[in-house]
Amino acid sequence: TLPLHKSQKTLVDDKKEFRIELNIHPNFELQQKILMYGVSVKVLEPKWLIDEIRGTLKNTLNFYL
């Protein structure tokens, strides 16, 4: 219910998905907020941020294998 950032724009808001756009300089805090939502969120772009989130999740999974 609270925006992640003041630049947040809602692109899609229906029963199937809620998609936003942020115009920011990504940093550690943003990545932590994204990870906080777990399986409820998916980064669509930029590719490098997708790779960062994926890498963090893979490293986390390795703690439990």
C-alpha atoms as a PDB file:
ATOM      1  CA  THR A   1       0.000   0.000   0.000  1.00  0.00           C
ATOM      2  CA  LEU A   2       2.963   2.328   0.503  1.00  0.00           C
ATOM      3  CA  PRO A   3       5.024   3.400  -2.517  1.00  0.00           C
ATOM      4  CA  LEU A   4       8.613   2.147  -2.646  1.00  0.00           C
ATOM      5  CA  HIS A   5       9.768   5.518  -3.974  1.00  0.00           C
ATOM      6  CA  LYS A   6       8.280   8.915  -4.822  1.00  0.00           C
ATOM      7  CA  SER A   7       8.915   8.249  -8.538  1.00  0.00           C
ATOM      8  CA  GLN A   8       6.699   5.132  -8.456  1.00  0.00           C
ATOM      9  CA  LYS A   9       4.185   4.918 -11.301  1.00  0.00           C
ATOM     10  CA  THR A  10       1.532   2.229 -11.512  1.00  0.00           C
ATOM     11  CA  LEU A  11       1.548   0.531 -14.921  1.00  0.00           C
ATOM     12  CA  VAL A  12      -0.888  -2.334 -14.255  1.00  0.00           C
ATOM     13  CA  ASP A  13      -3.234  -2.824 -11.320  1.00  0.00           C
ATOM     14  CA  ASP A  14      -5.718  -5.652 -11.736  1.00  0.00           C
ATOM     15  CA  LYS A  15      -6.614  -8.977 -10.108  1.00  0.00           C
ATOM     16  CA  LYS A  16      -3.757 -10.766 -11.900  1.00  0.00           C
ATOM     17  CA  GLU A  17      -0.861  -8.349 -11.447  1.00  0.00           C
ATOM     18  CA  PHE A  18       0.351  -5.103  -9.966  1.00  0.00           C
ATOM     19  CA  ARG A  19       3.229  -3.665 -12.004  1.00  0.00           C
ATOM     20  CA  ILE A  20       5.121  -0.491 -11.164  1.00  0.00           C
ATOM     21  CA  GLU A  21       7.910   1.558 -12.638  1.00  0.00           C
ATOM     22  CA  LEU A  22      10.580   3.269 -10.536  1.00  0.00           C
ATOM     23  CA  ASN A  23      12.917   5.956 -11.780  1.00  0.00           C
ATOM     24  CA  ILE A  24      15.817   5.627  -9.328  1.00  0.00           C
ATOM     25  CA  HIS A  25      19.467   4.735  -8.835  1.00  0.00           C
ATOM     26  CA  PRO A  26      19.294   1.182  -7.456  1.00  0.00           C
ATOM     27  CA  ASN A  27      21.194   0.549  -4.238  1.00  0.00           C
ATOM     28  CA  PHE A  28      21.519  -2.054  -1.490  1.00  0.00           C
ATOM     29  CA  GLU A  29      18.397  -0.827   0.328  1.00  0.00           C
ATOM     30  CA  LEU A  30      16.262  -1.227  -2.807  1.00  0.00           C
ATOM     31  CA  GLN A  31      17.531  -4.774  -3.289  1.00  0.00           C
ATOM     32  CA  GLN A  32      16.672  -5.559   0.325  1.00  0.00           C
ATOM     33  CA  LYS A  33      13.150  -4.187  -0.130  1.00  0.00           C
ATOM     34  CA  ILE A  34      12.695  -6.312  -3.259  1.00  0.00           C
ATOM     35  CA  LEU A  35      13.943  -9.424  -1.462  1.00  0.00           C
ATOM     36  CA  MET A  36      11.633  -8.673   1.479  1.00  0.00           C
ATOM     37  CA  TYR A  37       8.630  -9.415  -0.747  1.00  0.00           C
ATOM     38  CA  GLY A  38       9.927 -12.921  -1.594  1.00  0.00           C
ATOM     39  CA  VAL A  39       7.840 -14.800  -4.155  1.00  0.00           C
ATOM     40  CA  SER A  40       5.322 -11.936  -4.327  1.00  0.00           C
ATOM     41  CA  VAL A  41       7.576  -9.809  -6.527  1.00  0.00           C
ATOM     42  CA  LYS A  42       9.489 -10.257  -9.776  1.00  0.00           C
ATOM     43  CA  VAL A  43      11.992  -7.787 -11.226  1.00  0.00           C
ATOM     44  CA  LEU A  44      11.349  -7.391 -14.954  1.00  0.00           C
ATOM     45  CA  GLU A  45      14.216  -5.051 -15.792  1.00  0.00           C
ATOM     46  CA  PRO A  46      16.993  -3.941 -15.876  1.00  0.00           C
ATOM     47  CA  LYS A  47      18.783  -7.206 -16.612  1.00  0.00           C
ATOM     48  CA  TRP A  48      21.682  -6.490 -14.272  1.00  0.00           C
ATOM     49  CA  LEU A  49      19.275  -6.040 -11.324  1.00  0.00           C
ATOM     50  CA  ILE A  50      17.548  -9.312 -12.217  1.00  0.00           C
ATOM     51  CA  ASP A  51      20.976 -10.963 -12.157  1.00  0.00           C
ATOM     52  CA  GLU A  52      21.814  -9.392  -8.776  1.00  0.00           C
ATOM     53  CA  ILE A  53      18.548 -10.565  -7.192  1.00  0.00           C
ATOM     54  CA  ARG A  54      18.928 -14.036  -8.730  1.00  0.00           C
ATOM     55  CA  GLY A  55      22.505 -14.295  -7.425  1.00  0.00           C
ATOM     56  CA  THR A  56      21.482 -13.267  -3.931  1.00  0.00           C
ATOM     57  CA  LEU A  57      18.665 -15.819  -3.883  1.00  0.00           C
ATOM     58  CA  LYS A  58      20.967 -18.594  -5.139  1.00  0.00           C
ATOM     59  CA  ASN A  59      23.550 -17.764  -2.479  1.00  0.00           C
ATOM     60  CA  THR A  60      20.854 -17.779   0.192  1.00  0.00           C
ATOM     61  CA  LEU A  61      19.590 -21.163  -0.974  1.00  0.00           C
ATOM     62  CA  ASN A  62      23.104 -22.579  -0.652  1.00  0.00           C
ATOM     63  CA  PHE A  63      22.920 -21.970   3.124  1.00  0.00           C
ATOM     64  CA  TYR A  64      20.080 -24.503   3.303  1.00  0.00           C
ATOM     65  CA  LEU A  65      21.457 -27.275   1.068  1.00  0.00           C
END
